[in-house]
Amino acid sequence: MSSVIEQKKQIVEEIADKFKASQSTVVVDYRGLTVSEVTELRKQLRDAGVEFKVYKNSMTRRAVEAAELTGLNESLTGPNAIAFSSEDVIAPAKILNDFAKKHEALEIKAGVIEGNVASAEEIKALADLPSREGLLSMLLSVLQAPIRNLALAAKAVAEQKEEQGA
């Protein structure tokens, strides 16, 4: 009997460690998805470096308390799956939100963003943000604009002087 309890304690500890190590975590209700849809979702998440697991709610609740994220407890009802991302904050939210738009059976319940409990609406807002690469390209274009405008103005002045001289 004690070995079963020890195994459960290890699982709770493992879940708590994942909550603590993750940049972002998303809790979803996957009821109604077919096996092929879940397989497709798992593949998309795995390709993005996101771990997608199903744990018993009782163990997840204990892990949430150990990780001091008790605001998640109200979302831990019914069948849940949890997506953990230790690298990218936006990836799990973006993939799960896009998948939920195509498959109405998937419901985003809540999540954790950099150690703070987030509602489903906050997770969806995070999913609508551009990726890191997209944000960097936007920043780069903003930084290049003044130089580009200066170069265009200098070229226009040179062309104007050329026309006057000819």
C-alpha atoms as a PDB file:
ATOM      1  CA  MET A   1       0.000   0.000   0.000  1.00  0.00           C
ATOM      2  CA  SER A   2       2.767   2.466   0.846  1.00  0.00           C
ATOM      3  CA  SER A   3       4.432   1.940  -2.539  1.00  0.00           C
ATOM      4  CA  VAL A   4       1.245   3.157  -4.256  1.00  0.00           C
ATOM      5  CA  ILE A   5       1.236   6.265  -2.061  1.00  0.00           C
ATOM      6  CA  GLU A   6       4.906   6.840  -2.841  1.00  0.00           C
ATOM      7  CA  GLN A   7       4.193   6.586  -6.574  1.00  0.00           C
ATOM      8  CA  LYS A   8       1.378   9.114  -6.249  1.00  0.00           C
ATOM      9  CA  LYS A   9       3.629  11.474  -4.277  1.00  0.00           C
ATOM     10  CA  GLN A  10       6.244  11.232  -7.037  1.00  0.00           C
ATOM     11  CA  ILE A  11       3.630  12.019  -9.692  1.00  0.00           C
ATOM     12  CA  VAL A  12       2.390  15.027  -7.687  1.00  0.00           C
ATOM     13  CA  GLU A  13       5.975  16.218  -7.279  1.00  0.00           C
ATOM     14  CA  GLU A  14       6.584  15.760 -11.024  1.00  0.00           C
ATOM     15  CA  ILE A  15       3.474  17.805 -11.896  1.00  0.00           C
ATOM     16  CA  ALA A  16       4.428  20.546  -9.413  1.00  0.00           C
ATOM     17  CA  ASP A  17       7.945  20.714 -10.903  1.00  0.00           C
ATOM     18  CA  LYS A  18       6.466  21.067 -14.394  1.00  0.00           C
ATOM     19  CA  PHE A  19       4.226  23.916 -13.226  1.00  0.00           C
ATOM     20  CA  LYS A  20       7.217  25.671 -11.659  1.00  0.00           C
ATOM     21  CA  ALA A  21       9.551  25.128 -14.648  1.00  0.00           C
ATOM     22  CA  SER A  22       7.048  26.111 -17.330  1.00  0.00           C
ATOM     23  CA  GLN A  23       6.982  29.521 -18.997  1.00  0.00           C
ATOM     24  CA  SER A  24       3.323  28.891 -19.740  1.00  0.00           C
ATOM     25  CA  THR A  25       0.807  26.169 -18.997  1.00  0.00           C
ATOM     26  CA  VAL A  26      -2.671  25.748 -20.491  1.00  0.00           C
ATOM     27  CA  VAL A  27      -5.450  23.555 -19.065  1.00  0.00           C
ATOM     28  CA  VAL A  28      -7.995  22.314 -21.620  1.00  0.00           C
ATOM     29  CA  ASP A  29     -11.098  20.146 -21.659  1.00  0.00           C
ATOM     30  CA  TYR A  30     -10.682  17.678 -24.505  1.00  0.00           C
ATOM     31  CA  ARG A  31     -14.061  15.892 -24.197  1.00  0.00           C
ATOM     32  CA  GLY A  32     -15.592  15.182 -27.600  1.00  0.00           C
ATOM     33  CA  LEU A  33     -12.359  15.052 -29.598  1.00  0.00           C
ATOM     34  CA  THR A  34     -11.758  11.903 -31.611  1.00  0.00           C
ATOM     35  CA  VAL A  35      -8.574   9.888 -31.225  1.00  0.00           C
ATOM     36  CA  SER A  36      -7.266  11.181 -34.566  1.00  0.00           C
ATOM     37  CA  GLU A  37      -7.948  14.795 -33.530  1.00  0.00           C
ATOM     38  CA  VAL A  38      -6.116  14.333 -30.230  1.00  0.00           C
ATOM     39  CA  THR A  39      -3.231  12.684 -32.102  1.00  0.00           C
ATOM     40  CA  GLU A  40      -3.087  15.637 -34.516  1.00  0.00           C
ATOM     41  CA  LEU A  41      -3.113  18.092 -31.587  1.00  0.00           C
ATOM     42  CA  ARG A  42      -0.369  16.192 -29.760  1.00  0.00           C
ATOM     43  CA  LYS A  43       1.783  16.240 -32.920  1.00  0.00           C
ATOM     44  CA  GLN A  44       1.384  20.008 -33.348  1.00  0.00           C
ATOM     45  CA  LEU A  45       2.281  20.591 -29.700  1.00  0.00           C
ATOM     46  CA  ARG A  46       5.237  18.187 -29.790  1.00  0.00           C
ATOM     47  CA  ASP A  47       6.616  19.937 -32.911  1.00  0.00           C
ATOM     48  CA  ALA A  48       6.536  23.225 -30.957  1.00  0.00           C
ATOM     49  CA  GLY A  49       8.333  21.679 -27.957  1.00  0.00           C
ATOM     50  CA  VAL A  50       5.206  21.616 -25.777  1.00  0.00           C
ATOM     51  CA  GLU A  51       4.453  18.668 -23.480  1.00  0.00           C
ATOM     52  CA  PHE A  52       0.779  17.611 -23.435  1.00  0.00           C
ATOM     53  CA  LYS A  53      -0.305  15.313 -20.597  1.00  0.00           C
ATOM     54  CA  VAL A  54      -3.435  14.041 -18.886  1.00  0.00           C
ATOM     55  CA  TYR A  55      -3.274  13.696 -15.097  1.00  0.00           C
ATOM     56  CA  LYS A  56      -5.858  12.831 -12.450  1.00  0.00           C
ATOM     57  CA  ASN A  57      -7.466  15.990 -11.091  1.00  0.00           C
ATOM     58  CA  SER A  58      -6.810  15.010  -7.466  1.00  0.00           C
ATOM     59  CA  MET A  59      -3.074  14.760  -8.131  1.00  0.00           C
ATOM     60  CA  THR A  60      -3.068  17.941 -10.186  1.00  0.00           C
ATOM     61  CA  ARG A  61      -4.839  19.819  -7.363  1.00  0.00           C
ATOM     62  CA  ARG A  62      -2.165  18.720  -4.884  1.00  0.00           C
ATOM     63  CA  ALA A  63       0.567  19.749  -7.328  1.00  0.00           C
ATOM     64  CA  VAL A  64      -1.106  23.129  -7.885  1.00  0.00           C
ATOM     65  CA  GLU A  65      -1.135  23.713  -4.130  1.00  0.00           C
ATOM     66  CA  ALA A  66       2.517  22.687  -3.883  1.00  0.00           C
ATOM     67  CA  ALA A  67       3.378  25.119  -6.706  1.00  0.00           C
ATOM     68  CA  GLU A  68       1.299  27.834  -4.971  1.00  0.00           C
ATOM     69  CA  LEU A  69      -1.081  28.273  -7.925  1.00  0.00           C
ATOM     70  CA  THR A  70      -4.333  27.594  -6.046  1.00  0.00           C
ATOM     71  CA  GLY A  71      -6.329  29.805  -8.454  1.00  0.00           C
ATOM     72  CA  LEU A  72      -6.268  26.892 -10.913  1.00  0.00           C
ATOM     73  CA  ASN A  73      -8.216  24.546  -8.625  1.00  0.00           C
ATOM     74  CA  GLU A  74     -11.638  25.748  -9.821  1.00  0.00           C
ATOM     75  CA  SER A  75     -10.709  24.797 -13.417  1.00  0.00           C
ATOM     76  CA  LEU A  76      -9.701  21.258 -12.487  1.00  0.00           C
ATOM     77  CA  THR A  77     -13.051  19.550 -12.967  1.00  0.00           C
ATOM     78  CA  GLY A  78     -13.922  16.957 -15.557  1.00  0.00           C
ATOM     79  CA  PRO A  79     -11.432  15.470 -17.989  1.00  0.00           C
ATOM     80  CA  ASN A  80      -8.474  17.816 -18.372  1.00  0.00           C
ATOM     81  CA  ALA A  81      -5.266  17.820 -20.328  1.00  0.00           C
ATOM     82  CA  ILE A  82      -2.386  20.150 -19.555  1.00  0.00           C
ATOM     83  CA  ALA A  83       0.078  21.647 -22.024  1.00  0.00           C
ATOM     84  CA  PHE A  84       3.447  22.632 -20.481  1.00  0.00           C
ATOM     85  CA  SER A  85       5.947  24.828 -22.331  1.00  0.00           C
ATOM     86  CA  SER A  86       9.309  25.571 -20.760  1.00  0.00           C
ATOM     87  CA  GLU A  87      10.665  27.502 -23.760  1.00  0.00           C
ATOM     88  CA  ASP A  88       7.984  29.549 -25.529  1.00  0.00           C
ATOM     89  CA  VAL A  89       5.305  31.482 -23.631  1.00  0.00           C
ATOM     90  CA  ILE A  90       2.987  31.908 -26.606  1.00  0.00           C
ATOM     91  CA  ALA A  91       3.267  28.519 -28.377  1.00  0.00           C
ATOM     92  CA  PRO A  92       0.837  26.390 -26.304  1.00  0.00           C
ATOM     93  CA  ALA A  93      -1.793  29.140 -26.185  1.00  0.00           C
ATOM     94  CA  LYS A  94      -1.516  29.814 -29.920  1.00  0.00           C
ATOM     95  CA  ILE A  95      -1.660  26.139 -30.967  1.00  0.00           C
ATOM     96  CA  LEU A  96      -4.522  25.254 -28.603  1.00  0.00           C
ATOM     97  CA  ASN A  97      -6.513  28.385 -29.499  1.00  0.00           C
ATOM     98  CA  ASP A  98      -6.137  27.748 -33.250  1.00  0.00           C
ATOM     99  CA  PHE A  99      -7.104  24.099 -32.741  1.00  0.00           C
ATOM    100  CA  ALA A 100     -10.127  25.104 -30.621  1.00  0.00           C
ATOM    101  CA  LYS A 101     -11.336  27.390 -33.436  1.00  0.00           C
ATOM    102  CA  LYS A 102     -11.373  24.426 -35.839  1.00  0.00           C
ATOM    103  CA  HIS A 103     -12.643  21.859 -33.308  1.00  0.00           C
ATOM    104  CA  GLU A 104     -15.392  23.173 -31.040  1.00  0.00           C
ATOM    105  CA  ALA A 105     -15.033  20.203 -28.670  1.00  0.00           C
ATOM    106  CA  LEU A 106     -11.707  21.559 -27.320  1.00  0.00           C
ATOM    107  CA  GLU A 107     -12.241  24.135 -24.589  1.00  0.00           C
ATOM    108  CA  ILE A 108      -9.500  26.252 -23.036  1.00  0.00           C
ATOM    109  CA  LYS A 109     -10.237  26.461 -19.298  1.00  0.00           C
ATOM    110  CA  ALA A 110      -7.342  28.353 -17.701  1.00  0.00           C
ATOM    111  CA  GLY A 111      -3.594  28.493 -17.530  1.00  0.00           C
ATOM    112  CA  VAL A 112      -0.447  29.834 -15.961  1.00  0.00           C
ATOM    113  CA  ILE A 113       1.662  32.491 -17.648  1.00  0.00           C
ATOM    114  CA  GLU A 114       5.124  32.935 -16.131  1.00  0.00           C
ATOM    115  CA  GLY A 115       3.950  31.884 -12.668  1.00  0.00           C
ATOM    116  CA  ASN A 116       0.645  33.803 -12.678  1.00  0.00           C
ATOM    117  CA  VAL A 117      -2.749  32.121 -12.968  1.00  0.00           C
ATOM    118  CA  ALA A 118      -4.563  33.253 -16.132  1.00  0.00           C
ATOM    119  CA  SER A 119      -8.188  32.957 -17.210  1.00  0.00           C
ATOM    120  CA  ALA A 120      -9.305  31.444 -20.506  1.00  0.00           C
ATOM    121  CA  GLU A 121      -9.767  34.967 -21.923  1.00  0.00           C
ATOM    122  CA  GLU A 122      -6.190  35.904 -20.997  1.00  0.00           C
ATOM    123  CA  ILE A 123      -4.890  32.723 -22.645  1.00  0.00           C
ATOM    124  CA  LYS A 124      -6.841  33.550 -25.825  1.00  0.00           C
ATOM    125  CA  ALA A 125      -5.489  37.125 -25.783  1.00  0.00           C
ATOM    126  CA  LEU A 126      -1.964  35.719 -25.464  1.00  0.00           C
ATOM    127  CA  ALA A 127      -2.644  33.429 -28.430  1.00  0.00           C
ATOM    128  CA  ASP A 128      -3.545  36.438 -30.586  1.00  0.00           C
ATOM    129  CA  LEU A 129      -0.115  38.013 -30.080  1.00  0.00           C
ATOM    130  CA  PRO A 130       2.392  37.602 -32.904  1.00  0.00           C
ATOM    131  CA  SER A 131       5.232  35.141 -32.391  1.00  0.00           C
ATOM    132  CA  ARG A 132       8.619  36.274 -31.099  1.00  0.00           C
ATOM    133  CA  GLU A 133       9.977  36.361 -34.642  1.00  0.00           C
ATOM    134  CA  GLY A 134       6.997  38.440 -35.780  1.00  0.00           C
ATOM    135  CA  LEU A 135       7.509  40.931 -32.966  1.00  0.00           C
ATOM    136  CA  LEU A 136      11.217  41.194 -33.758  1.00  0.00           C
ATOM    137  CA  SER A 137      10.528  41.844 -37.446  1.00  0.00           C
ATOM    138  CA  MET A 138       8.021  44.581 -36.475  1.00  0.00           C
ATOM    139  CA  LEU A 139      10.636  46.180 -34.222  1.00  0.00           C
ATOM    140  CA  LEU A 140      13.264  45.986 -36.950  1.00  0.00           C
ATOM    141  CA  SER A 141      10.996  47.658 -39.509  1.00  0.00           C
ATOM    142  CA  VAL A 142      10.210  50.453 -37.025  1.00  0.00           C
ATOM    143  CA  LEU A 143      13.927  50.971 -36.400  1.00  0.00           C
ATOM    144  CA  GLN A 144      14.737  50.999 -40.126  1.00  0.00           C
ATOM    145  CA  ALA A 145      11.998  53.481 -41.099  1.00  0.00           C
ATOM    146  CA  PRO A 146      13.846  56.725 -40.196  1.00  0.00           C
ATOM    147  CA  ILE A 147      16.989  55.631 -42.036  1.00  0.00           C
ATOM    148  CA  ARG A 148      14.978  54.538 -45.069  1.00  0.00           C
ATOM    149  CA  ASN A 149      13.104  57.870 -45.119  1.00  0.00           C
ATOM    150  CA  LEU A 150      16.383  59.803 -44.860  1.00  0.00           C
ATOM    151  CA  ALA A 151      17.836  57.814 -47.762  1.00  0.00           C
ATOM    152  CA  LEU A 152      14.727  58.437 -49.898  1.00  0.00           C
ATOM    153  CA  ALA A 153      14.822  62.176 -49.101  1.00  0.00           C
ATOM    154  CA  ALA A 154      18.547  62.377 -49.995  1.00  0.00           C
ATOM    155  CA  LYS A 155      17.889  60.530 -53.258  1.00  0.00           C
ATOM    156  CA  ALA A 156      15.009  62.893 -54.120  1.00  0.00           C
ATOM    157  CA  VAL A 157      17.198  65.956 -53.438  1.00  0.00           C
ATOM    158  CA  ALA A 158      19.987  64.502 -55.580  1.00  0.00           C
ATOM    159  CA  GLU A 159      17.576  63.785 -58.435  1.00  0.00           C
ATOM    160  CA  GLN A 160      16.118  67.302 -58.174  1.00  0.00           C
ATOM    161  CA  LYS A 161      19.578  68.899 -58.322  1.00  0.00           C
ATOM    162  CA  GLU A 162      20.435  66.665 -61.269  1.00  0.00           C
ATOM    163  CA  GLU A 163      17.329  67.837 -63.155  1.00  0.00           C
ATOM    164  CA  GLN A 164      18.134  71.499 -62.420  1.00  0.00           C
ATOM    165  CA  GLY A 165      21.708  71.060 -63.593  1.00  0.00           C
ATOM    166  CA  ALA A 166      20.729  69.365 -66.862  1.00  0.00           C
END
